[in-house]
Every structure is written in C-alpha cells, then in structure tokens.
C-alpha atoms as a PDB file:
ATOM      1  CA  MET A   1       0.000   0.000   0.000  1.00  0.00           C
ATOM      2  CA  ILE A   2       2.729   2.476   0.989  1.00  0.00           C
ATOM      3  CA  LEU A   3       4.801   1.497  -2.057  1.00  0.00           C
ATOM      4  CA  SER A   4       1.768   2.034  -4.283  1.00  0.00           C
ATOM      5  CA  LEU A   5       1.188   5.500  -2.835  1.00  0.00           C
ATOM      6  CA  PHE A   6       4.873   6.345  -3.286  1.00  0.00           C
ATOM      7  CA  ARG A   7       4.765   5.276  -6.934  1.00  0.00           C
ATOM      8  CA  SER A   8       1.621   7.294  -7.509  1.00  0.00           C
ATOM      9  CA  ARG A   9       3.215  10.392  -5.980  1.00  0.00           C
ATOM     10  CA  SER A  10       6.423   9.821  -7.937  1.00  0.00           C
ATOM     11  CA  THR A  11       4.459   9.529 -11.187  1.00  0.00           C
ATOM     12  CA  ARG A  12       2.542  12.707 -10.387  1.00  0.00           C
ATOM     13  CA  LEU A  13       5.756  14.617  -9.728  1.00  0.00           C
ATOM     14  CA  ALA A  14       7.359  13.325 -12.920  1.00  0.00           C
ATOM     15  CA  ALA A  15       4.269  14.376 -14.890  1.00  0.00           C
ATOM     16  CA  ARG A  16       4.551  17.843 -13.372  1.00  0.00           C
ATOM     17  CA  ASP A  17       8.243  17.987 -14.241  1.00  0.00           C
ATOM     18  CA  LEU A  18       7.523  17.037 -17.840  1.00  0.00           C
ATOM     19  CA  TYR A  19       4.675  19.533 -18.036  1.00  0.00           C
ATOM     20  CA  SER A  20       7.008  22.243 -16.705  1.00  0.00           C
ATOM     21  CA  GLU A  21       9.427  21.458 -19.542  1.00  0.00           C
ATOM     22  CA  ILE A  22       6.561  21.728 -22.029  1.00  0.00           C
ATOM     23  CA  ILE A  23       5.582  25.123 -20.631  1.00  0.00           C
ATOM     24  CA  ALA A  24       9.182  26.351 -20.811  1.00  0.00           C
ATOM     25  CA  GLN A  25       9.393  25.442 -24.485  1.00  0.00           C
ATOM     26  CA  ALA A  26       5.982  26.919 -25.287  1.00  0.00           C
ATOM     27  CA  ARG A  27       7.033  30.209 -23.689  1.00  0.00           C
ATOM     28  CA  GLN A  28      10.241  30.610 -25.678  1.00  0.00           C
ATOM     29  CA  PRO A  29      10.301  34.355 -26.516  1.00  0.00           C
ATOM     30  CA  LEU A  30      11.269  33.646 -30.136  1.00  0.00           C
ATOM     31  CA  PHE A  31       7.767  32.337 -30.860  1.00  0.00           C
ATOM     32  CA  TYR A  32       6.293  35.694 -29.916  1.00  0.00           C
ATOM     33  CA  GLU A  33       9.054  37.873 -31.326  1.00  0.00           C
ATOM     34  CA  TYR A  34       9.553  36.250 -34.728  1.00  0.00           C
ATOM     35  CA  PHE A  35       6.585  33.992 -35.485  1.00  0.00           C
ATOM     36  CA  GLY A  36       3.830  36.502 -34.845  1.00  0.00           C
ATOM     37  CA  VAL A  37       2.225  34.446 -32.083  1.00  0.00           C
ATOM     38  CA  PRO A  38       0.244  36.862 -29.901  1.00  0.00           C
ATOM     39  CA  ASP A  39       1.793  37.205 -26.449  1.00  0.00           C
ATOM     40  CA  SER A  40      -1.625  36.797 -24.879  1.00  0.00           C
ATOM     41  CA  VAL A  41      -3.575  34.193 -22.932  1.00  0.00           C
ATOM     42  CA  GLU A  42      -4.839  32.773 -26.230  1.00  0.00           C
ATOM     43  CA  GLY A  43      -1.421  32.759 -27.904  1.00  0.00           C
ATOM     44  CA  ARG A  44       0.226  31.067 -24.957  1.00  0.00           C
ATOM     45  CA  PHE A  45      -2.547  28.482 -24.813  1.00  0.00           C
ATOM     46  CA  ASP A  46      -2.098  27.676 -28.504  1.00  0.00           C
ATOM     47  CA  LEU A  47       1.621  26.994 -28.077  1.00  0.00           C
ATOM     48  CA  LEU A  48       0.992  25.040 -24.882  1.00  0.00           C
ATOM     49  CA  ALA A  49      -1.603  22.928 -26.700  1.00  0.00           C
ATOM     50  CA  LEU A  50       0.798  22.274 -29.572  1.00  0.00           C
ATOM     51  CA  HIS A  51       3.732  21.146 -27.428  1.00  0.00           C
ATOM     52  CA  SER A  52       1.535  19.172 -25.027  1.00  0.00           C
ATOM     53  CA  PHE A  53      -0.009  17.294 -27.945  1.00  0.00           C
ATOM     54  CA  LEU A  54       3.391  16.455 -29.448  1.00  0.00           C
ATOM     55  CA  VAL A  55       4.758  15.083 -26.163  1.00  0.00           C
ATOM     56  CA  MET A  56       1.565  13.170 -25.337  1.00  0.00           C
ATOM     57  CA  ALA A  57       1.499  11.659 -28.827  1.00  0.00           C
ATOM     58  CA  ARG A  58       5.069  10.403 -28.343  1.00  0.00           C
ATOM     59  CA  LEU A  59       4.206   8.969 -24.944  1.00  0.00           C
ATOM     60  CA  LYS A  60       1.340   6.975 -26.411  1.00  0.00           C
ATOM     61  CA  GLY A  61       3.612   5.832 -29.239  1.00  0.00           C
ATOM     62  CA  ALA A  62       2.988   2.431 -30.737  1.00  0.00           C
ATOM     63  CA  GLY A  63       1.586   1.149 -27.456  1.00  0.00           C
ATOM     64  CA  GLY A  64      -1.481   3.365 -27.542  1.00  0.00           C
ATOM     65  CA  SER A  65      -3.508   4.721 -24.645  1.00  0.00           C
ATOM     66  CA  ASP A  66      -3.317   1.506 -22.597  1.00  0.00           C
ATOM     67  CA  SER A  67       0.494   1.388 -22.580  1.00  0.00           C
ATOM     68  CA  PRO A  68       2.565   2.749 -19.654  1.00  0.00           C
ATOM     69  CA  GLY A  69       3.399   5.770 -21.794  1.00  0.00           C
ATOM     70  CA  GLY A  70      -0.268   6.235 -22.598  1.00  0.00           C
ATOM     71  CA  HIS A  71      -1.193   6.214 -18.918  1.00  0.00           C
ATOM     72  CA  PHE A  72       1.566   8.716 -18.232  1.00  0.00           C
ATOM     73  CA  ALA A  73       0.265  10.903 -21.076  1.00  0.00           C
ATOM     74  CA  ASN A  74      -3.068  10.955 -19.257  1.00  0.00           C
ATOM     75  CA  LYS A  75      -1.257  12.166 -16.129  1.00  0.00           C
ATOM     76  CA  VAL A  76       0.329  14.966 -18.142  1.00  0.00           C
ATOM     77  CA  PHE A  77      -3.060  15.847 -19.593  1.00  0.00           C
ATOM     78  CA  SER A  78      -4.581  15.977 -16.103  1.00  0.00           C
ATOM     79  CA  THR A  79      -1.708  18.207 -14.983  1.00  0.00           C
ATOM     80  CA  MET A  80      -2.417  20.540 -17.901  1.00  0.00           C
ATOM     81  CA  VAL A  81      -6.126  20.723 -17.036  1.00  0.00           C
ATOM     82  CA  GLU A  82      -5.313  21.483 -13.387  1.00  0.00           C
ATOM     83  CA  ASP A  83      -2.927  24.215 -14.523  1.00  0.00           C
ATOM     84  CA  LEU A  84      -5.543  25.768 -16.812  1.00  0.00           C
ATOM     85  CA  ASP A  85      -8.034  25.744 -13.933  1.00  0.00           C
ATOM     86  CA  SER A  86      -5.514  27.384 -11.600  1.00  0.00           C
ATOM     87  CA  ASN A  87      -4.547  30.045 -14.158  1.00  0.00           C
ATOM     88  CA  LEU A  88      -8.162  30.950 -14.850  1.00  0.00           C
ATOM     89  CA  ARG A  89      -8.789  31.389 -11.133  1.00  0.00           C
ATOM     90  CA  GLU A  90      -5.712  33.609 -10.869  1.00  0.00           C
ATOM     91  CA  LEU A  91      -7.107  35.711 -13.721  1.00  0.00           C
ATOM     92  CA  GLY A  92     -10.229  36.276 -11.638  1.00  0.00           C
ATOM     93  CA  VAL A  93     -12.622  33.864 -13.335  1.00  0.00           C
ATOM     94  CA  GLY A  94     -15.348  32.995 -10.839  1.00  0.00           C
ATOM     95  CA  ASP A  95     -15.952  29.523  -9.435  1.00  0.00           C
ATOM     96  CA  LEU A  96     -19.294  29.278 -11.224  1.00  0.00           C
ATOM     97  CA  THR A  97     -17.794  29.728 -14.700  1.00  0.00           C
ATOM     98  CA  VAL A  98     -14.251  28.343 -14.404  1.00  0.00           C
ATOM     99  CA  GLY A  99     -15.408  24.760 -15.018  1.00  0.00           C
ATOM    100  CA  LYS A 100     -17.164  25.752 -18.216  1.00  0.00           C
ATOM    101  CA  LYS A 101     -14.120  27.655 -19.455  1.00  0.00           C
ATOM    102  CA  VAL A 102     -11.805  24.742 -18.679  1.00  0.00           C
ATOM    103  CA  ARG A 103     -14.121  22.424 -20.629  1.00  0.00           C
ATOM    104  CA  GLY A 104     -14.002  24.869 -23.519  1.00  0.00           C
ATOM    105  CA  LEU A 105     -10.201  24.934 -23.460  1.00  0.00           C
ATOM    106  CA  THR A 106     -10.076  21.144 -23.244  1.00  0.00           C
ATOM    107  CA  GLU A 107     -12.298  20.867 -26.307  1.00  0.00           C
ATOM    108  CA  ALA A 108     -10.114  23.426 -28.096  1.00  0.00           C
ATOM    109  CA  PHE A 109      -7.039  21.356 -27.233  1.00  0.00           C
ATOM    110  CA  LEU A 110      -8.605  18.173 -28.596  1.00  0.00           C
ATOM    111  CA  GLY A 111      -9.615  19.916 -31.811  1.00  0.00           C
ATOM    112  CA  ARG A 112      -6.126  21.287 -32.336  1.00  0.00           C
ATOM    113  CA  ALA A 113      -4.564  17.939 -31.480  1.00  0.00           C
ATOM    114  CA  ALA A 114      -6.722  16.220 -34.099  1.00  0.00           C
ATOM    115  CA  SER A 115      -5.628  18.623 -36.842  1.00  0.00           C
ATOM    116  CA  TYR A 116      -1.929  18.328 -35.953  1.00  0.00           C
ATOM    117  CA  ASP A 117      -2.214  14.548 -35.713  1.00  0.00           C
ATOM    118  CA  GLU A 118      -3.799  14.330 -39.158  1.00  0.00           C
ATOM    119  CA  ALA A 119      -0.994  16.379 -40.726  1.00  0.00           C
ATOM    120  CA  LEU A 120       1.737  14.404 -38.933  1.00  0.00           C
ATOM    121  CA  LYS A 121       0.319  11.034 -39.952  1.00  0.00           C
ATOM    122  CA  ALA A 122       0.049  12.215 -43.550  1.00  0.00           C
ATOM    123  CA  SER A 123       3.539  13.804 -43.446  1.00  0.00           C
ATOM    124  CA  ASP A 124       1.835  16.726 -45.151  1.00  0.00           C
ATOM    125  CA  GLY A 125       3.610  20.055 -44.689  1.00  0.00           C
ATOM    126  CA  GLU A 126       0.879  22.056 -46.410  1.00  0.00           C
ATOM    127  CA  LEU A 127      -1.808  20.499 -44.228  1.00  0.00           C
ATOM    128  CA  MET A 128       0.284  21.310 -41.162  1.00  0.00           C
ATOM    129  CA  ALA A 129       0.818  24.892 -42.332  1.00  0.00           C
ATOM    130  CA  ARG A 130      -2.961  25.295 -42.681  1.00  0.00           C
ATOM    131  CA  ALA A 131      -3.488  23.895 -39.178  1.00  0.00           C
ATOM    132  CA  VAL A 132      -0.830  26.257 -37.811  1.00  0.00           C
ATOM    133  CA  ALA A 133      -2.301  29.249 -39.626  1.00  0.00           C
ATOM    134  CA  ARG A 134      -5.797  28.481 -38.378  1.00  0.00           C
ATOM    135  CA  ASN A 135      -4.960  27.537 -34.787  1.00  0.00           C
ATOM    136  CA  ILE A 136      -1.900  29.624 -33.921  1.00  0.00           C
ATOM    137  CA  LEU A 137      -1.769  32.557 -36.333  1.00  0.00           C
ATOM    138  CA  GLY A 138      -5.529  33.054 -36.221  1.00  0.00           C
ATOM    139  CA  ASP A 139      -6.408  32.826 -39.919  1.00  0.00           C
ATOM    140  CA  GLU A 140      -5.960  30.067 -42.496  1.00  0.00           C
ATOM    141  CA  GLN A 141      -5.140  32.698 -45.129  1.00  0.00           C
ATOM    142  CA  TYR A 142      -1.639  32.782 -43.622  1.00  0.00           C
ATOM    143  CA  ALA A 143      -1.009  29.118 -44.560  1.00  0.00           C
ATOM    144  CA  LYS A 144       1.370  30.052 -47.400  1.00  0.00           C
ATOM    145  CA  SER A 145       3.305  32.575 -45.333  1.00  0.00           C
ATOM    146  CA  GLN A 146       6.914  31.961 -44.375  1.00  0.00           C
ATOM    147  CA  THR A 147       5.815  32.036 -40.744  1.00  0.00           C
ATOM    148  CA  ALA A 148       3.315  29.187 -41.118  1.00  0.00           C
ATOM    149  CA  GLN A 149       5.765  27.174 -43.217  1.00  0.00           C
ATOM    150  CA  SER A 150       8.514  27.661 -40.628  1.00  0.00           C
ATOM    151  CA  LEU A 151       6.234  26.677 -37.752  1.00  0.00           C
ATOM    152  CA  ALA A 152       5.127  23.595 -39.687  1.00  0.00           C
ATOM    153  CA  ALA A 153       8.774  22.611 -40.246  1.00  0.00           C
ATOM    154  CA  TYR A 154       9.437  23.129 -36.527  1.00  0.00           C
ATOM    155  CA  ILE A 155       6.520  20.842 -35.594  1.00  0.00           C
ATOM    156  CA  PHE A 156       7.795  18.033 -37.818  1.00  0.00           C
ATOM    157  CA  ALA A 157      11.261  18.493 -36.313  1.00  0.00           C
ATOM    158  CA  VAL A 158       9.880  18.278 -32.764  1.00  0.00           C
ATOM    159  CA  ASP A 159       7.991  15.112 -33.681  1.00  0.00           C
ATOM    160  CA  GLN A 160      11.165  13.581 -35.119  1.00  0.00           C
ATOM    161  CA  LYS A 161      13.236  14.668 -32.116  1.00  0.00           C
ATOM    162  CA  LEU A 162      10.719  13.164 -29.708  1.00  0.00           C
ATOM    163  CA  ALA A 163      10.653   9.912 -31.679  1.00  0.00           C
ATOM    164  CA  GLY A 164      14.329   9.453 -30.812  1.00  0.00           C
ATOM    165  CA  GLN A 165      13.745   9.865 -27.071  1.00  0.00           C
ATOM    166  CA  LYS A 166      12.976   6.885 -24.886  1.00  0.00           C
ATOM    167  CA  ILE A 167       9.518   6.700 -23.330  1.00  0.00           C
ATOM    168  CA  GLU A 168      11.137   5.811 -20.004  1.00  0.00           C
ATOM    169  CA  ARG A 169      13.133   9.033 -20.061  1.00  0.00           C
ATOM    170  CA  LEU A 170      10.039  11.101 -20.803  1.00  0.00           C
ATOM    171  CA  MET A 171       8.282   9.335 -17.938  1.00  0.00           C
ATOM    172  CA  GLN A 172      11.050  10.616 -15.668  1.00  0.00           C
ATOM    173  CA  GLY A 173      10.087  14.153 -16.644  1.00  0.00           C
ATOM    174  CA  VAL A 174      12.961  14.750 -19.069  1.00  0.00           C
ATOM    175  CA  VAL A 175      12.417  15.972 -22.641  1.00  0.00           C
ATOM    176  CA  VAL A 176      14.611  17.653 -25.243  1.00  0.00           C
ATOM    177  CA  PHE A 177      13.182  19.956 -27.930  1.00  0.00           C
ATOM    178  CA  PRO A 178      15.003  21.225 -31.034  1.00  0.00           C
ATOM    179  CA  PRO A 179      16.130  24.873 -30.817  1.00  0.00           C
ATOM    180  CA  VAL A 180      13.418  27.286 -31.940  1.00  0.00           C
ATOM    181  CA  ALA A 181      16.135  29.522 -33.414  1.00  0.00           C
ATOM    182  CA  ASP A 182      16.825  26.911 -36.099  1.00  0.00           C
ATOM    183  CA  PHE A 183      13.395  27.546 -37.646  1.00  0.00           C
ATOM    184  CA  LEU A 184      13.008  31.318 -37.621  1.00  0.00           C
ATOM    185  CA  PRO A 185      11.111  32.700 -40.631  1.00  0.00           C
ATOM    186  CA  ASN A 186      12.791  35.282 -42.825  1.00  0.00           C
ATOM    187  CA  ALA A 187      12.432  38.706 -41.222  1.00  0.00           C
ATOM    188  CA  ASP A 188      11.025  40.222 -44.420  1.00  0.00           C
ATOM    189  CA  ASN A 189       8.649  37.387 -45.222  1.00  0.00           C
ATOM    190  CA  GLY A 190       6.658  36.711 -42.082  1.00  0.00           C
ATOM    191  CA  MET A 191       3.035  36.239 -41.185  1.00  0.00           C
ATOM    192  CA  HIS A 192       1.747  39.237 -43.098  1.00  0.00           C
ATOM    193  CA  ASP A 193       3.173  37.898 -46.344  1.00  0.00           C
ATOM    194  CA  LYS A 194       0.170  35.760 -47.219  1.00  0.00           C
ATOM    195  CA  GLY A 195       1.764  34.117 -50.213  1.00  0.00           C
ATOM    196  CA  ASP A 196      -0.299  33.406 -53.283  1.00  0.00           C
ATOM    197  CA  GLY A 197      -3.497  32.557 -51.377  1.00  0.00           C
END
C-alpha cells in the first residue's frame, strides 16, 4: 500500500516535471518575437496545446492509450487541465464559470490535437501549415506565409526529435526539444506575407 502510494506520488511529480518542460518550451520568446504568435492568454494556450499534444502523442507511441506511456500521457493531460483551472482562477474567473471555461479549453485542445495529428500522420507540410495558420496565427489565409511554413517545419522536427527519445526518459520528466532559433522565418517574409493565397 505504501509502495503504491509512493509510486503514484512519484508519477505525479514526474508528470509535473515534464509539463514544466513543455511550458518552458511553449514560452520561448522567439515564438512571440519572430513567429507573430500573440503574447496573450490565447497565444500562450495555442503553443501550450501544440507542445503538449506532441509530447503526449510520443508517450502513447505504438503502445497506444493503454500502454505505460499512454497512462503517463493521461497524467500529463490531467496536470495541464489542473494548470488551466488554476490560471483561470488567478485571472479572476469565478468559481461558477471556471469549469465551463476549462471544458471549452479542453475541447479546443482536442480539436487542435486532431488537426496536428492528421498532418503528422500524412507527413503533409501544407496540411500542417494550414493547421498552424488556423490555430496559432488566427487565420488560415496565412497558410502560405513563411511564418506558417517555418512553424510547420518546426513541428515536424519536434515530432522527429521526440521519436528518438525513450519513453522511459520522458516518464522521468525529461524531454529535449530542437532549438526554436533553427526555424526562424525570414524577417522580411513573415506572417503578413500571405503568399499566393
């Protein structure tokens, strides 16, 4: 019984550690300075959703939701939901509405995750750029911009980087992301260059 409780606590702490690493990556200033991501509650949520999805997808891996990695992914997801709840309360959202807002954010996360997952499974850069433009940049018309293309390339690179990391290591709360600086869009061809669309 005591050993079981210790393992449960240890798993919870590791999930928090991993989630903290996800937050740190999602808050890299370069995303907001060079990719046109709004430095707002919404913009930060979008990047958090993206990185959380990528890490959770790796955890589930070939074993699926019922694997040890899948169960750990659920712990990370629960940690994210708790964090969203806490942040909303800190922003002054009342007890009567915070639950509804958290549900809304959870649904938004699942919708974004589905679009990223579809593009990753298809290895389709254009599909990913459209998902990025719609979910992160706020308008699908930016799909042909250098910014959307660069973010799409970054997402595929993160997915590849995560694929090379052992599930056991991730379950210890340790993750390595590729440097954001390697994917910066050209300064003169960013989000507002909408391409040919």
